[in-house]
Protein backbone atom coordinates (compact mmCIF):
# COMPACT_ATOMS: atom_id res chain seq x y z
CA MET A 1 126.36 146.96 74.28
CA PHE A 2 123.39 146.88 72.12
CA ARG A 3 122.24 145.43 68.78
CA ILE A 4 120.04 147.64 66.62
CA ALA A 5 117.80 146.24 63.87
CA ILE A 6 115.53 148.31 61.44
CA SER A 7 113.06 146.31 59.24
CA GLN A 8 110.66 147.50 56.74
CA LEU A 9 107.14 146.60 57.40
CA THR A 10 104.95 145.92 54.10
CA ASP A 11 101.70 144.12 53.58
CA GLY A 12 100.05 145.56 56.53
CA GLY A 13 102.88 144.33 58.84
CA ARG A 14 102.84 140.62 57.51
CA ARG A 15 106.02 141.03 55.61
CA ILE A 16 109.17 142.15 57.38
CA THR A 17 112.29 142.97 55.40
CA PRO A 18 115.55 143.59 57.23
CA GLU A 19 117.16 146.86 56.37
CA HIS A 20 119.75 147.95 58.77
CA ARG A 21 121.95 146.30 61.63
CA SER A 22 124.46 147.87 63.79
CA THR A 23 125.67 148.05 67.33
CA ALA A 24 125.83 150.86 70.11
CA MET A 25 127.51 151.34 73.43
CA SER A 26 124.39 152.74 74.89
CA VAL A 27 120.81 153.61 74.40
CA ASP A 28 121.58 157.09 73.41
CA GLU A 29 123.82 155.94 70.60
CA ALA A 30 121.29 153.39 69.54
CA VAL A 31 118.72 156.12 68.98
CA LEU A 32 121.33 158.36 67.32
CA ALA A 33 121.66 155.31 64.84
CA LEU A 34 118.14 155.27 64.25
CA ARG A 35 117.83 158.89 63.61
CA GLU A 36 120.71 158.77 61.04
CA HIS A 37 119.13 155.94 59.22
CA LEU A 38 115.48 157.22 59.38
CA PRO A 39 115.80 161.00 59.93
CA THR A 40 112.02 161.78 59.66
CA VAL A 41 110.98 159.36 62.48
CA ASP A 42 109.50 160.69 65.76
CA THR A 43 111.84 159.19 68.31
CA THR A 44 110.22 160.32 71.54
CA ALA A 45 109.27 156.62 72.44
CA PHE A 46 112.97 155.96 72.45
CA HIS A 47 114.04 157.56 75.58
CA SER A 48 116.55 155.65 77.64
CA GLU A 49 114.40 154.77 80.52
CA ALA A 50 111.60 153.13 78.31
CA VAL A 51 113.99 151.21 76.41
CA GLN A 52 116.09 149.92 79.39
CA ARG A 53 112.86 148.89 81.35
CA SER A 54 111.73 146.85 78.22
CA VAL A 55 115.21 145.30 77.91
CA ASN A 56 115.26 144.19 81.62
CA ARG A 57 111.57 142.80 81.37
CA VAL A 58 111.49 140.99 77.98
CA ASN A 59 115.22 141.26 76.83
CA ASP A 60 114.58 143.84 73.82
CA PHE A 61 112.73 146.81 72.96
CA ARG A 62 110.69 146.82 69.86
CA HIS A 63 108.69 149.67 68.42
CA ASP A 64 107.03 150.30 65.14
CA VAL A 65 107.55 153.76 63.53
CA ASP A 66 106.21 155.70 60.44
CA THR A 67 108.47 157.90 58.33
CA ALA A 68 107.05 161.13 56.67
CA ASP A 69 106.98 159.50 53.32
CA GLY A 70 104.52 156.70 54.58
CA GLY A 71 107.04 154.00 55.20
CA ARG A 72 106.58 151.75 58.17
CA TYR A 73 109.45 150.19 60.08
CA ARG A 74 110.05 148.18 63.07
CA VAL A 75 113.21 148.98 65.25
CA VAL A 76 114.50 146.43 67.74
CA ILE A 77 117.18 147.43 70.37
CA ALA A 78 118.52 144.50 72.26
CA PRO A 79 121.47 143.89 74.53
CA MET A 80 124.33 141.99 73.05
CA MET A 81 125.16 138.73 74.92
């Protein structure tokens, strides 16, 4: 199982405001949750292999994304312990 946290970045990334938290059974399910919450985000960086490599190396996967309307978000996918 994985934890998913989506936070909005403001003030040039200095302010992080939690916006959405959920869980998923797999990386693919986590990406689906991201697409549902932020439908305009490009999710090509979130392929299963890249996420799993990062989780194995540093215990989570973090990636900043931009929305079509100019919003900036940080997405964290981490295993549940």
